[in-house]
Amino acid sequence: MSSIREIKAPVSSEMEAFAGHFREVLRSDVALLDTIMRYIVKRKGKQMRPLFVFLVAEIQGGCTDKTNTAASLIELLHTATLVHDDVVDESPKRRGFFSIQALWKKKVAVLVGDYLLSKGLLAAVKEEAFDMLKITSRAVKEISEGELLQIEKSRKLDITEEVYFDIIRRKTASLIAACCACGAASSGASEEEVERMWKFGEKVGLAFQIKDDLLDLGDGTRTGKPAGVDIKEKKMTLPLIHLLEQSSPSEKRRLLKLVRRAPKDPSAVKEVMQRVLEGPGMDYSRGQMLNLRNEAVAMLDGFENTPAKQSLIDLLDFTIKRNK
């Protein structure tokens, strides 16, 4: 599997310039905000989402100044959603670092998330990138709907595979779809090509979330988040949903009873995990993930075989082969 450094190679200079640009975008003359912004920059991960923006722009005709704006808008939106997610989930840590809400409390975290979102919107307005505002507004709407749909369904635990894919398409895949659509738009692609890249990113995002489901069950070596958290939080992931659909009515009732107990009963979490790991859901989920990967790669067939196209495929493969 190619490393992130190798994948970045065709757009390495653009990504390096973006890192400096992003630091400048986050600067604030409010001391508390500036301290928090520097903390956010320091704990930045692999920056896979800006990388999708730059690689898609490159295969569509080349990166432009608007690509930098697109990457900033996406990264600001992504960071805002993470800060707000940590408040909603009451998470003390994010990627091994203390979360904003853990260090500065919920009120500050909510305001920081709002600030990040507004900075992204202003960056796009400044460059008159209204097409990108349309794309990212679509993503924000989808993310919010996906989160609320998951909350609604998790109360009754009546999530079917169809509903599961609807939730993750909105909640997770829409942001990666926006990355790819914004990258295409920044290079002057047609509306049809922009929509095509949205669909490509959507398939990548769906595969990405299924991989997350598998990692939470200990499928690979995951760091930063203990296995079984999804079960403890009563999140219905694809391996569990498939197991339930393949179980007898009595076994299904027993499993759902254990899932309801999971938030306060570690033994229930352990038993559900064991059943899922031994059941048909793991292999089924891997198969679904690979199908999505292949469908996404097929959507790139019309593009010239360049290093950027190969890196985009390698980045897709990285998302489904990662161990955290």
Protein backbone atom coordinates (compact mmCIF):
# COMPACT_ATOMS: atom_id res chain seq x y z
CA MET A 1 0.00 0.00 0.00
CA SER A 2 1.35 3.44 -0.97
CA SER A 3 2.10 5.86 1.87
CA ILE A 4 0.34 9.23 2.14
CA ARG A 5 3.65 10.89 1.25
CA GLU A 6 3.87 8.89 -1.98
CA ILE A 7 0.21 9.57 -2.79
CA LYS A 8 0.76 13.32 -2.33
CA ALA A 9 3.69 13.39 -4.81
CA PRO A 10 1.79 14.73 -7.90
CA VAL A 11 0.42 17.66 -5.86
CA SER A 12 3.10 17.93 -3.15
CA SER A 13 3.95 21.58 -3.89
CA GLU A 14 0.26 22.52 -3.87
CA MET A 15 -0.33 20.70 -0.57
CA GLU A 16 2.71 22.38 0.99
CA ALA A 17 1.49 25.81 -0.09
CA PHE A 18 -1.98 24.96 1.21
CA ALA A 19 -0.63 24.12 4.69
CA GLY A 20 0.79 27.63 5.03
CA HIS A 21 -2.33 29.20 3.56
CA PHE A 22 -4.55 27.28 5.99
CA ARG A 23 -2.52 28.47 8.99
CA GLU A 24 -3.01 32.06 7.84
CA VAL A 25 -6.75 31.55 7.33
CA LEU A 26 -7.09 30.37 10.95
CA ARG A 27 -5.36 33.38 12.51
CA SER A 28 -7.47 35.54 14.81
CA ASP A 29 -6.86 38.76 16.78
CA VAL A 30 -8.86 37.29 19.67
CA ALA A 31 -6.23 35.72 21.92
CA LEU A 32 -8.34 32.76 23.06
CA LEU A 33 -9.41 31.95 19.50
CA ASP A 34 -5.86 32.23 18.21
CA THR A 35 -4.63 29.82 20.91
CA ILE A 36 -7.32 27.29 20.00
CA MET A 37 -6.64 27.69 16.26
CA ARG A 38 -2.93 26.96 16.80
CA TYR A 39 -3.90 23.90 18.82
CA ILE A 40 -6.13 22.72 15.95
CA VAL A 41 -3.34 23.18 13.38
CA LYS A 42 -0.89 21.25 15.58
CA ARG A 43 -3.16 18.22 15.81
CA LYS A 44 -4.08 18.04 12.12
CA GLY A 45 -4.10 14.49 10.76
CA LYS A 46 -3.22 13.20 7.30
CA GLN A 47 -5.31 15.91 5.57
CA MET A 48 -6.88 13.33 3.30
CA ARG A 49 -9.81 15.56 2.40
CA PRO A 50 -7.73 18.45 1.00
CA LEU A 51 -5.70 15.79 -0.82
CA PHE A 52 -8.87 14.56 -2.55
CA VAL A 53 -9.57 18.18 -3.58
CA PHE A 54 -6.13 18.69 -5.13
CA LEU A 55 -5.92 15.30 -6.86
CA VAL A 56 -9.38 15.63 -8.42
CA ALA A 57 -8.55 19.17 -9.58
CA GLU A 58 -5.31 17.87 -11.10
CA ILE A 59 -6.98 15.12 -13.16
CA GLN A 60 -9.73 17.52 -14.26
CA GLY A 61 -7.30 19.93 -15.87
CA GLY A 62 -4.96 21.21 -13.21
CA CYS A 63 -4.98 22.99 -9.85
CA THR A 64 -5.75 26.72 -9.75
CA ASP A 65 -5.93 29.44 -7.11
CA LYS A 66 -9.56 28.40 -6.61
CA THR A 67 -8.36 24.90 -5.65
CA ASN A 68 -6.64 26.40 -2.60
CA THR A 69 -9.90 28.11 -1.67
CA ALA A 70 -11.79 24.84 -2.18
CA ALA A 71 -9.38 22.91 0.05
CA SER A 72 -9.57 25.60 2.77
CA LEU A 73 -13.37 25.62 2.64
CA ILE A 74 -13.53 21.83 2.94
CA GLU A 75 -10.96 21.63 5.74
CA LEU A 76 -12.67 24.38 7.73
CA LEU A 77 -16.03 22.68 7.30
CA HIS A 78 -14.57 19.29 8.26
CA THR A 79 -12.85 20.69 11.35
CA ALA A 80 -16.04 22.49 12.41
CA THR A 81 -18.04 19.24 12.19
CA LEU A 82 -15.41 17.39 14.26
CA VAL A 83 -15.48 20.06 16.99
CA HIS A 84 -19.28 19.95 17.10
CA ASP A 85 -19.29 16.12 16.98
CA ASP A 86 -17.10 16.00 20.07
CA VAL A 87 -19.62 18.20 21.90
CA VAL A 88 -22.57 16.02 20.81
CA ASP A 89 -20.73 12.80 21.72
CA GLU A 90 -19.08 14.31 24.83
CA SER A 91 -15.78 12.92 23.54
CA PRO A 92 -12.75 13.76 25.71
CA LYS A 93 -10.26 12.99 22.93
CA ARG A 94 -9.85 13.24 19.17
CA ARG A 95 -6.99 11.42 17.39
CA GLY A 96 -5.14 10.98 20.68
CA PHE A 97 -5.37 14.69 21.56
CA PHE A 98 -7.75 16.25 24.05
CA SER A 99 -10.84 17.58 22.29
CA ILE A 100 -11.69 21.30 22.26
CA GLN A 101 -14.70 20.70 24.50
CA ALA A 102 -12.55 18.76 27.01
CA LEU A 103 -9.97 21.56 27.27
CA TRP A 104 -12.14 24.67 26.93
CA LYS A 105 -15.65 23.33 27.73
CA LYS A 106 -18.72 22.91 25.54
CA LYS A 107 -19.73 26.56 25.20
CA VAL A 108 -16.35 27.51 23.75
CA ALA A 109 -16.29 24.41 21.50
CA VAL A 110 -19.69 25.24 19.97
CA LEU A 111 -18.57 28.83 19.28
CA VAL A 112 -15.26 27.61 17.81
CA GLY A 113 -17.15 25.28 15.47
CA ASP A 114 -19.37 28.18 14.38
CA TYR A 115 -16.28 30.36 13.86
CA LEU A 116 -14.59 27.73 11.67
CA LEU A 117 -17.70 27.36 9.54
CA SER A 118 -18.01 31.13 9.11
CA LYS A 119 -14.32 31.41 8.14
CA GLY A 120 -14.89 28.84 5.42
CA LEU A 121 -17.92 30.65 4.07
CA LEU A 122 -16.09 34.00 4.10
CA ALA A 123 -13.07 32.51 2.30
CA ALA A 124 -15.35 31.29 -0.48
CA VAL A 125 -17.29 34.59 -0.69
CA LYS A 126 -14.03 36.55 -0.86
CA GLU A 127 -13.00 34.59 -3.96
CA GLU A 128 -16.57 34.65 -5.32
CA ALA A 129 -16.52 30.85 -5.35
CA PHE A 130 -20.31 30.59 -5.20
CA ASP A 131 -20.35 27.22 -6.96
CA MET A 132 -18.32 25.81 -4.07
CA LEU A 133 -20.65 27.38 -1.53
CA LYS A 134 -23.51 25.56 -3.23
CA ILE A 135 -21.61 22.25 -3.05
CA THR A 136 -20.58 22.62 0.60
CA SER A 137 -24.05 23.84 1.66
CA ARG A 138 -25.42 20.64 0.15
CA ALA A 139 -22.93 18.67 2.24
CA VAL A 140 -23.77 20.50 5.50
CA LYS A 141 -27.47 19.82 4.91
CA GLU A 142 -26.78 16.12 4.25
CA ILE A 143 -24.53 15.77 7.31
CA SER A 144 -27.12 17.33 9.63
CA GLU A 145 -29.92 15.17 8.22
CA GLY A 146 -27.76 12.04 8.51
CA GLU A 147 -26.92 12.71 12.15
CA LEU A 148 -30.57 13.30 13.06
CA LEU A 149 -31.73 10.26 11.10
CA GLN A 150 -29.20 8.12 12.97
CA ILE A 151 -30.40 9.48 16.34
CA GLU A 152 -34.03 8.81 15.38
CA LYS A 153 -33.34 5.24 14.24
CA SER A 154 -30.96 4.34 17.07
CA ARG A 155 -33.77 4.87 19.59
CA LYS A 156 -35.81 2.06 18.02
CA LEU A 157 -32.86 0.00 16.69
CA ASP A 158 -34.86 -0.60 13.49
CA ILE A 159 -32.11 0.24 11.00
CA THR A 160 -32.22 -1.85 7.84
CA GLU A 161 -29.32 -2.05 5.40
CA GLU A 162 -31.12 0.43 3.15
CA VAL A 163 -31.53 2.93 5.99
CA TYR A 164 -27.90 2.36 7.07
CA PHE A 165 -26.62 3.33 3.62
CA ASP A 166 -28.91 6.36 3.59
CA ILE A 167 -27.48 7.49 6.93
CA ILE A 168 -23.81 7.06 6.01
CA ARG A 169 -24.33 8.53 2.54
CA ARG A 170 -25.53 11.71 4.23
CA LYS A 171 -23.44 11.68 7.41
CA THR A 172 -20.02 10.57 6.11
CA ALA A 173 -19.96 10.25 2.34
CA SER A 174 -21.36 13.72 1.60
CA LEU A 175 -18.22 15.48 2.88
CA ILE A 176 -15.85 13.40 0.74
CA ALA A 177 -18.28 13.90 -2.15
CA ALA A 178 -18.00 17.67 -1.57
CA CYS A 179 -14.18 17.40 -1.61
CA CYS A 180 -14.22 15.79 -5.03
CA ALA A 181 -16.95 18.05 -6.44
CA CYS A 182 -15.17 21.21 -5.20
CA GLY A 183 -11.88 19.97 -6.65
CA ALA A 184 -13.54 19.51 -10.04
CA ALA A 185 -15.30 22.89 -9.85
CA SER A 186 -12.04 24.65 -8.98
CA SER A 187 -10.46 23.46 -12.23
CA GLY A 188 -13.33 24.73 -14.37
CA ALA A 189 -15.07 21.38 -14.93
CA SER A 190 -18.60 21.30 -16.34
CA GLU A 191 -21.65 20.83 -14.11
CA GLU A 192 -21.90 17.24 -15.37
CA GLU A 193 -18.27 16.53 -14.41
CA VAL A 194 -18.74 18.17 -11.00
CA GLU A 195 -21.77 15.95 -10.33
CA ARG A 196 -19.83 12.91 -11.55
CA MET A 197 -17.07 13.67 -9.06
CA TRP A 198 -19.69 14.10 -6.31
CA LYS A 199 -20.89 10.55 -7.07
CA PHE A 200 -17.29 9.29 -7.13
CA GLY A 201 -16.61 10.86 -3.72
CA GLU A 202 -19.87 9.46 -2.38
CA LYS A 203 -18.75 5.90 -3.21
CA VAL A 204 -15.37 6.57 -1.59
CA GLY A 205 -17.12 7.90 1.52
CA LEU A 206 -19.40 4.88 1.80
CA ALA A 207 -16.40 2.53 1.56
CA PHE A 208 -14.57 4.69 4.13
CA GLN A 209 -17.42 4.34 6.65
CA ILE A 210 -17.71 0.58 6.20
CA LYS A 211 -13.98 0.37 6.93
CA ASP A 212 -14.61 2.39 10.11
CA ASP A 213 -17.32 -0.12 11.09
CA LEU A 214 -14.86 -2.99 10.65
CA LEU A 215 -12.09 -1.20 12.57
CA ASP A 216 -14.41 -0.59 15.52
CA LEU A 217 -14.85 -4.35 15.76
CA GLY A 218 -11.09 -4.86 15.95
CA ASP A 219 -10.65 -5.72 12.26
CA GLY A 220 -7.08 -4.44 12.05
CA THR A 221 -4.97 -2.58 14.59
CA ARG A 222 -6.78 0.57 15.57
CA THR A 223 -5.22 3.25 17.71
CA GLY A 224 -6.90 6.20 19.40
CA LYS A 225 -10.29 4.54 19.82
CA PRO A 226 -10.99 1.29 21.67
CA ALA A 227 -12.91 -1.45 19.84
CA GLY A 228 -16.63 -1.79 20.50
CA VAL A 229 -17.42 1.91 20.90
CA ASP A 230 -20.13 1.77 18.21
CA ILE A 231 -21.91 -1.06 20.03
CA LYS A 232 -21.59 0.74 23.37
CA GLU A 233 -23.21 3.80 21.75
CA LYS A 234 -25.94 1.63 20.15
CA LYS A 235 -24.80 2.52 16.63
CA MET A 236 -26.07 -0.01 14.11
CA THR A 237 -23.16 -0.74 11.78
CA LEU A 238 -23.24 -2.89 8.63
CA PRO A 239 -21.69 -6.07 10.14
CA LEU A 240 -24.25 -6.02 12.98
CA ILE A 241 -27.19 -5.19 10.69
CA HIS A 242 -26.31 -8.07 8.37
CA LEU A 243 -25.96 -10.46 11.33
CA LEU A 244 -29.40 -9.43 12.60
CA GLU A 245 -30.95 -9.90 9.14
CA GLN A 246 -29.48 -13.42 8.95
CA SER A 247 -30.53 -14.41 12.50
CA SER A 248 -33.66 -16.26 13.61
CA PRO A 249 -36.40 -14.10 15.20
CA SER A 250 -35.50 -15.30 18.71
CA GLU A 251 -31.77 -14.74 18.20
CA LYS A 252 -32.46 -11.28 16.76
CA ARG A 253 -34.52 -10.36 19.83
CA ARG A 254 -31.71 -11.56 22.10
CA LEU A 255 -29.08 -9.55 20.21
CA LEU A 256 -31.18 -6.38 20.25
CA LYS A 257 -31.75 -6.80 23.98
CA LEU A 258 -27.96 -6.97 24.46
CA VAL A 259 -27.44 -3.87 22.30
CA ARG A 260 -29.97 -1.94 24.44
CA ARG A 261 -28.00 -2.93 27.55
CA ALA A 262 -24.64 -2.10 25.96
CA PRO A 263 -24.28 1.55 27.13
CA LYS A 264 -24.17 0.40 30.78
CA ASP A 265 -23.08 -3.23 30.46
CA PRO A 266 -19.54 -4.04 29.21
CA SER A 267 -20.37 -7.77 29.18
CA ALA A 268 -23.21 -7.09 26.72
CA VAL A 269 -20.80 -5.17 24.46
CA LYS A 270 -18.36 -8.05 24.58
CA GLU A 271 -21.00 -10.65 23.75
CA VAL A 272 -22.40 -8.67 20.80
CA MET A 273 -18.89 -8.09 19.47
CA GLN A 274 -18.10 -11.79 19.66
CA ARG A 275 -21.29 -12.72 17.83
CA VAL A 276 -20.63 -10.18 15.08
CA LEU A 277 -17.01 -11.28 14.64
CA GLU A 278 -18.11 -14.91 14.34
CA GLY A 279 -21.08 -14.14 12.09
CA PRO A 280 -21.45 -13.49 8.35
CA GLY A 281 -21.49 -9.69 8.63
CA MET A 282 -17.73 -9.16 8.56
CA ASP A 283 -17.10 -10.85 5.21
CA TYR A 284 -20.31 -9.38 3.80
CA SER A 285 -19.20 -5.87 4.78
CA ARG A 286 -15.74 -6.36 3.28
CA GLY A 287 -17.41 -7.45 0.05
CA GLN A 288 -19.65 -4.38 -0.02
CA MET A 289 -16.65 -2.15 0.64
CA LEU A 290 -14.68 -3.67 -2.24
CA ASN A 291 -17.66 -3.37 -4.59
CA LEU A 292 -17.88 0.36 -3.81
CA ARG A 293 -14.12 0.70 -4.35
CA ASN A 294 -14.36 -0.95 -7.77
CA GLU A 295 -17.37 1.15 -8.78
CA ALA A 296 -15.48 4.32 -7.82
CA VAL A 297 -12.36 3.31 -9.78
CA ALA A 298 -14.52 2.54 -12.82
CA MET A 299 -15.78 6.15 -12.73
CA LEU A 300 -12.22 7.33 -13.45
CA ASP A 301 -11.91 5.31 -16.68
CA GLY A 302 -12.41 8.36 -18.89
CA PHE A 303 -9.42 10.21 -17.46
CA GLU A 304 -5.89 10.04 -18.85
CA ASN A 305 -3.54 7.67 -17.01
CA THR A 306 -1.43 10.24 -15.16
CA PRO A 307 0.43 10.12 -11.81
CA ALA A 308 -2.42 12.18 -10.30
CA LYS A 309 -5.03 9.63 -11.40
CA GLN A 310 -2.94 6.78 -9.96
CA SER A 311 -2.54 8.71 -6.70
CA LEU A 312 -6.30 9.23 -6.54
CA ILE A 313 -6.82 5.46 -6.87
CA ASP A 314 -4.07 4.86 -4.29
CA LEU A 315 -5.77 7.32 -1.92
CA LEU A 316 -9.04 5.44 -2.34
CA ASP A 317 -7.23 2.18 -1.55
CA PHE A 318 -5.57 3.83 1.45
CA THR A 319 -9.00 4.63 2.91
CA ILE A 320 -10.07 0.98 2.86
CA LYS A 321 -6.74 -0.55 3.91
CA ARG A 322 -5.87 1.83 6.78
CA ASN A 323 -5.60 0.43 10.29
CA LYS A 324 -6.94 3.47 12.14
